[in-house]
Protein backbone atom coordinates (compact mmCIF):
# COMPACT_ATOMS: atom_id res chain seq x y z
CA MET A 1 4.17 -3.31 -3.40
CA PHE A 2 5.65 -1.45 -0.48
CA ILE A 3 4.84 2.25 -0.37
CA CYS A 4 6.79 3.01 2.82
CA VAL A 5 9.84 0.84 3.34
CA CYS A 6 10.76 2.41 6.70
CA ASN A 7 7.45 1.31 8.25
CA ALA A 8 6.69 -1.66 5.93
CA ILE A 9 3.44 -0.07 4.70
CA THR A 10 1.99 -1.72 1.62
CA GLU A 11 -0.07 -0.39 -1.25
CA ARG A 12 -3.02 -2.38 0.07
CA GLN A 13 -2.80 -0.75 3.50
CA VAL A 14 -2.77 2.71 1.92
CA GLN A 15 -5.74 1.77 -0.28
CA GLU A 16 -7.67 0.50 2.75
CA ALA A 17 -6.95 3.69 4.69
CA VAL A 18 -8.18 5.83 1.79
CA ALA A 19 -11.27 3.62 1.39
CA SER A 20 -11.90 4.13 5.12
CA GLY A 21 -11.83 7.90 4.75
CA ALA A 22 -8.22 9.13 4.72
CA GLN A 23 -8.26 12.39 2.77
CA SER A 24 -4.76 13.76 3.26
CA LEU A 25 -1.17 12.74 3.79
CA SER A 26 -1.61 13.75 7.43
CA ASP A 27 -4.45 11.23 7.71
CA LEU A 28 -2.24 8.48 6.26
CA GLU A 29 0.60 9.41 8.59
CA ALA A 30 -1.70 9.34 11.61
CA GLN A 31 -3.28 6.00 10.66
CA LEU A 32 -0.30 4.14 9.22
CA GLY A 33 2.89 6.07 9.90
CA VAL A 34 3.47 6.81 6.20
CA GLY A 35 6.06 9.54 5.72
CA GLY A 36 7.05 9.69 9.37
CA CYS A 37 10.69 8.66 8.92
CA CYS A 38 12.71 9.57 5.84
CA GLY A 39 9.77 10.98 3.85
CA CYS A 40 10.68 9.29 0.55
CA CYS A 41 7.22 7.69 0.35
CA ARG A 42 5.19 10.88 0.74
CA GLU A 43 4.78 11.55 -3.00
CA THR A 44 3.78 7.97 -3.83
CA ALA A 45 1.37 7.74 -0.89
CA SER A 46 -0.22 11.03 -1.98
CA ASP A 47 -0.96 9.50 -5.38
CA TYR A 48 -3.51 7.18 -3.71
CA LEU A 49 -5.42 10.03 -2.08
CA PRO A 50 -8.54 11.51 -3.72
CA GLY A 51 -7.49 13.38 -6.86
CA GLY A 52 -4.19 11.49 -7.07
CA GLN A 53 -2.82 9.44 -9.93
CA TYR A 54 -3.88 6.09 -8.38
CA ALA A 55 -7.06 7.25 -6.66
CA GLY A 56 -9.17 5.15 -9.04
CA TYR A 57 -7.51 1.96 -7.81
CA VAL A 58 -9.30 2.20 -4.49
CA THR A 59 -12.32 0.35 -5.82
CA GLU A 60 -13.83 -2.41 -3.72
CA THR A 61 -15.57 -5.50 -5.04
CA GLN A 62 -18.50 -7.27 -3.44
CA ASP A 63 -16.27 -10.10 -2.13
CA GLU A 64 -15.70 -9.50 1.57
CA GLY A 65 -14.45 -5.95 0.96
CA ALA A 66 -11.52 -7.16 -1.15
CA PHE A 67 -9.94 -4.87 -3.69
CA GLU A 68 -10.30 -5.50 -7.40
CA HIS A 69 -6.54 -6.05 -7.81
CA ASP A 70 -4.39 -7.82 -5.24
CA ALA A 71 -1.21 -6.16 -4.11
CA ALA A 72 1.90 -7.65 -5.69
CA ASN A 73 3.47 -8.45 -2.32
CA ASP A 74 0.39 -10.00 -0.72
CA SER A 75 1.70 -13.06 1.10
CA THR A 76 -1.75 -14.71 1.04
CA LEU A 77 -1.61 -15.10 -2.75
CA MET A 78 1.17 -17.65 -2.88
CA PRO A 79 3.72 -18.93 -0.39
CA LEU A 80 7.25 -17.63 -0.74
CA GLN A 81 9.71 -20.23 -1.92
CA ALA A 82 13.35 -20.40 -0.98
CA VAL A 83 15.76 -19.91 -3.84
CA ALA A 84 19.18 -21.48 -3.74
CA VAL A 85 21.97 -19.20 -4.90
CA SER A 86 25.33 -20.63 -5.79
CA ARG A 87 28.51 -18.61 -5.95
CA ALA A 88 30.86 -19.63 -8.68
């Protein structure tokens, strides 16, 4: 899932920044650019910080530092397939 559309920042990137020590929205902005454009992502990004609604999702497993749950938009999970759209 994209957290910041303006800068194409994903949930996984935010989780990794928090796991690496980001403690505030300023930290996320400095590391990733979150909230630097329109600011619509600030509230959602803050939810991943310590004490936030999604802070518990920043758990790492023993497998190469991977997160317990893959991000929904992770392109390594499955290749994107073209979809034909017909106009009637």
